[in-house]
Amino acid sequence: SGIIQSGLGFHIVQTIERGMHPLAAGALAELQRQAIQTWLADLKAKAVIENLVRP
């Protein structure tokens, strides 16, 4: 709980409940897909590709 600043201004946030809540299968799959996409994009950004074959 506390005060948070965003681009829209200040917001007061109150934590009502904490606990472990299982994710739905679809939500878990989406998070996994996003993590893989981010990982692949990072690998591609760092890759150095050299084409040694002439057309």
N, C-alpha and C. Protein backbone atom coordinates (compact mmCIF):
# COMPACT_ATOMS: atom_id res chain seq x y z
N SER A 1 0.84 -1.18 0.00
CA SER A 1 0.00 0.00 0.00
C SER A 1 0.88 1.24 0.00
N GLY A 2 0.41 2.27 -0.67
CA GLY A 2 1.18 3.50 -0.70
C GLY A 2 0.77 4.39 -1.84
N ILE A 3 1.56 5.43 -2.05
CA ILE A 3 1.30 6.40 -3.11
C ILE A 3 2.23 6.10 -4.27
N ILE A 4 1.68 6.07 -5.46
CA ILE A 4 2.43 5.78 -6.68
C ILE A 4 2.22 6.92 -7.66
N GLN A 5 3.31 7.33 -8.32
CA GLN A 5 3.20 8.37 -9.34
C GLN A 5 3.30 7.73 -10.72
N SER A 6 2.42 8.13 -11.62
CA SER A 6 2.45 7.66 -13.00
C SER A 6 2.35 8.86 -13.92
N GLY A 7 2.29 8.61 -15.19
CA GLY A 7 2.14 9.68 -16.16
C GLY A 7 0.80 10.40 -16.04
N LEU A 8 -0.14 9.78 -15.37
CA LEU A 8 -1.47 10.37 -15.20
C LEU A 8 -1.61 11.11 -13.87
N GLY A 9 -0.59 11.07 -13.03
CA GLY A 9 -0.65 11.75 -11.74
C GLY A 9 -0.30 10.81 -10.60
N PHE A 10 -0.82 11.11 -9.42
CA PHE A 10 -0.56 10.31 -8.24
C PHE A 10 -1.75 9.39 -7.96
N HIS A 11 -1.46 8.20 -7.43
CA HIS A 11 -2.50 7.22 -7.15
C HIS A 11 -2.25 6.63 -5.76
N ILE A 12 -3.30 6.44 -5.01
CA ILE A 12 -3.20 5.79 -3.70
C ILE A 12 -3.63 4.34 -3.89
N VAL A 13 -2.74 3.43 -3.50
CA VAL A 13 -2.99 2.00 -3.69
C VAL A 13 -3.09 1.34 -2.31
N GLN A 14 -4.12 0.53 -2.13
CA GLN A 14 -4.31 -0.20 -0.89
C GLN A 14 -4.33 -1.69 -1.18
N THR A 15 -3.47 -2.44 -0.52
CA THR A 15 -3.46 -3.89 -0.66
C THR A 15 -4.57 -4.46 0.21
N ILE A 16 -5.46 -5.21 -0.41
CA ILE A 16 -6.59 -5.78 0.31
C ILE A 16 -6.31 -7.23 0.71
N GLU A 17 -5.62 -7.96 -0.16
CA GLU A 17 -5.38 -9.38 0.11
C GLU A 17 -4.08 -9.79 -0.55
N ARG A 18 -3.34 -10.63 0.15
CA ARG A 18 -2.13 -11.21 -0.42
C ARG A 18 -2.24 -12.72 -0.29
N GLY A 19 -1.67 -13.41 -1.25
CA GLY A 19 -1.69 -14.85 -1.17
C GLY A 19 -1.30 -15.46 -2.50
N MET A 20 -1.10 -16.74 -2.48
CA MET A 20 -0.77 -17.47 -3.69
C MET A 20 -2.06 -17.85 -4.39
N HIS A 21 -2.19 -17.43 -5.64
CA HIS A 21 -3.38 -17.74 -6.42
C HIS A 21 -2.92 -18.39 -7.72
N PRO A 22 -3.40 -19.58 -8.02
CA PRO A 22 -2.96 -20.25 -9.25
C PRO A 22 -3.45 -19.51 -10.49
N LEU A 23 -2.60 -19.49 -11.51
CA LEU A 23 -2.97 -18.88 -12.78
C LEU A 23 -3.81 -19.84 -13.60
N ALA A 24 -4.69 -19.29 -14.38
CA ALA A 24 -5.44 -20.11 -15.33
C ALA A 24 -4.47 -20.63 -16.38
N ALA A 25 -4.76 -21.76 -16.97
CA ALA A 25 -3.87 -22.37 -17.96
C ALA A 25 -3.58 -21.41 -19.10
N GLY A 26 -4.58 -20.69 -19.56
CA GLY A 26 -4.39 -19.74 -20.66
C GLY A 26 -3.50 -18.58 -20.26
N ALA A 27 -3.62 -18.10 -19.03
CA ALA A 27 -2.80 -17.00 -18.55
C ALA A 27 -1.34 -17.43 -18.43
N LEU A 28 -1.12 -18.63 -17.91
CA LEU A 28 0.24 -19.15 -17.79
C LEU A 28 0.87 -19.31 -19.17
N ALA A 29 0.13 -19.86 -20.11
CA ALA A 29 0.65 -20.04 -21.47
C ALA A 29 0.99 -18.70 -22.10
N GLU A 30 0.18 -17.68 -21.88
CA GLU A 30 0.44 -16.35 -22.43
C GLU A 30 1.70 -15.74 -21.83
N LEU A 31 1.89 -15.89 -20.52
CA LEU A 31 3.10 -15.38 -19.88
C LEU A 31 4.34 -16.10 -20.41
N GLN A 32 4.24 -17.40 -20.62
CA GLN A 32 5.36 -18.16 -21.16
C GLN A 32 5.67 -17.71 -22.59
N ARG A 33 4.64 -17.48 -23.40
CA ARG A 33 4.83 -17.02 -24.77
C ARG A 33 5.51 -15.65 -24.80
N GLN A 34 5.08 -14.76 -23.93
CA GLN A 34 5.68 -13.43 -23.87
C GLN A 34 7.14 -13.50 -23.44
N ALA A 35 7.45 -14.37 -22.47
CA ALA A 35 8.83 -14.51 -22.01
C ALA A 35 9.72 -15.04 -23.12
N ILE A 36 9.24 -16.00 -23.88
CA ILE A 36 10.02 -16.55 -24.99
C ILE A 36 10.22 -15.50 -26.08
N GLN A 37 9.18 -14.73 -26.40
CA GLN A 37 9.29 -13.69 -27.42
C GLN A 37 10.32 -12.64 -27.00
N THR A 38 10.31 -12.25 -25.74
CA THR A 38 11.27 -11.27 -25.24
C THR A 38 12.69 -11.82 -25.31
N TRP A 39 12.85 -13.08 -24.92
CA TRP A 39 14.16 -13.73 -24.94
C TRP A 39 14.70 -13.82 -26.37
N LEU A 40 13.84 -14.23 -27.33
CA LEU A 40 14.26 -14.33 -28.72
C LEU A 40 14.61 -12.96 -29.30
N ALA A 41 13.82 -11.94 -28.99
CA ALA A 41 14.10 -10.59 -29.49
C ALA A 41 15.44 -10.10 -28.96
N ASP A 42 15.74 -10.42 -27.70
CA ASP A 42 17.02 -10.03 -27.11
C ASP A 42 18.18 -10.75 -27.80
N LEU A 43 18.01 -12.04 -28.07
CA LEU A 43 19.05 -12.80 -28.77
C LEU A 43 19.29 -12.24 -30.17
N LYS A 44 18.21 -11.93 -30.89
CA LYS A 44 18.34 -11.39 -32.24
C LYS A 44 19.02 -10.03 -32.24
N ALA A 45 18.72 -9.21 -31.24
CA ALA A 45 19.33 -7.88 -31.15
C ALA A 45 20.83 -7.97 -30.89
N LYS A 46 21.26 -9.00 -30.18
CA LYS A 46 22.67 -9.16 -29.85
C LYS A 46 23.44 -9.96 -30.90
N ALA A 47 22.73 -10.59 -31.83
CA ALA A 47 23.37 -11.47 -32.81
C ALA A 47 24.14 -10.68 -33.85
N VAL A 48 25.25 -11.25 -34.27
CA VAL A 48 26.03 -10.70 -35.37
C VAL A 48 25.96 -11.75 -36.48
N ILE A 49 25.33 -11.39 -37.59
CA ILE A 49 25.14 -12.33 -38.69
C ILE A 49 25.98 -11.88 -39.87
N GLU A 50 26.80 -12.79 -40.38
CA GLU A 50 27.67 -12.49 -41.51
C GLU A 50 27.34 -13.47 -42.63
N ASN A 51 26.95 -12.96 -43.78
CA ASN A 51 26.61 -13.80 -44.93
C ASN A 51 27.87 -14.01 -45.76
N LEU A 52 28.36 -15.25 -45.82
CA LEU A 52 29.58 -15.56 -46.55
C LEU A 52 29.31 -16.14 -47.93
N VAL A 53 28.06 -16.36 -48.28
CA VAL A 53 27.68 -16.93 -49.57
C VAL A 53 27.27 -15.80 -50.50
N ARG A 54 27.88 -15.78 -51.69
CA ARG A 54 27.52 -14.75 -52.66
C ARG A 54 26.30 -15.20 -53.44
N PRO A 55 25.41 -14.27 -53.77
CA PRO A 55 24.20 -14.65 -54.52
C PRO A 55 24.50 -15.03 -55.96
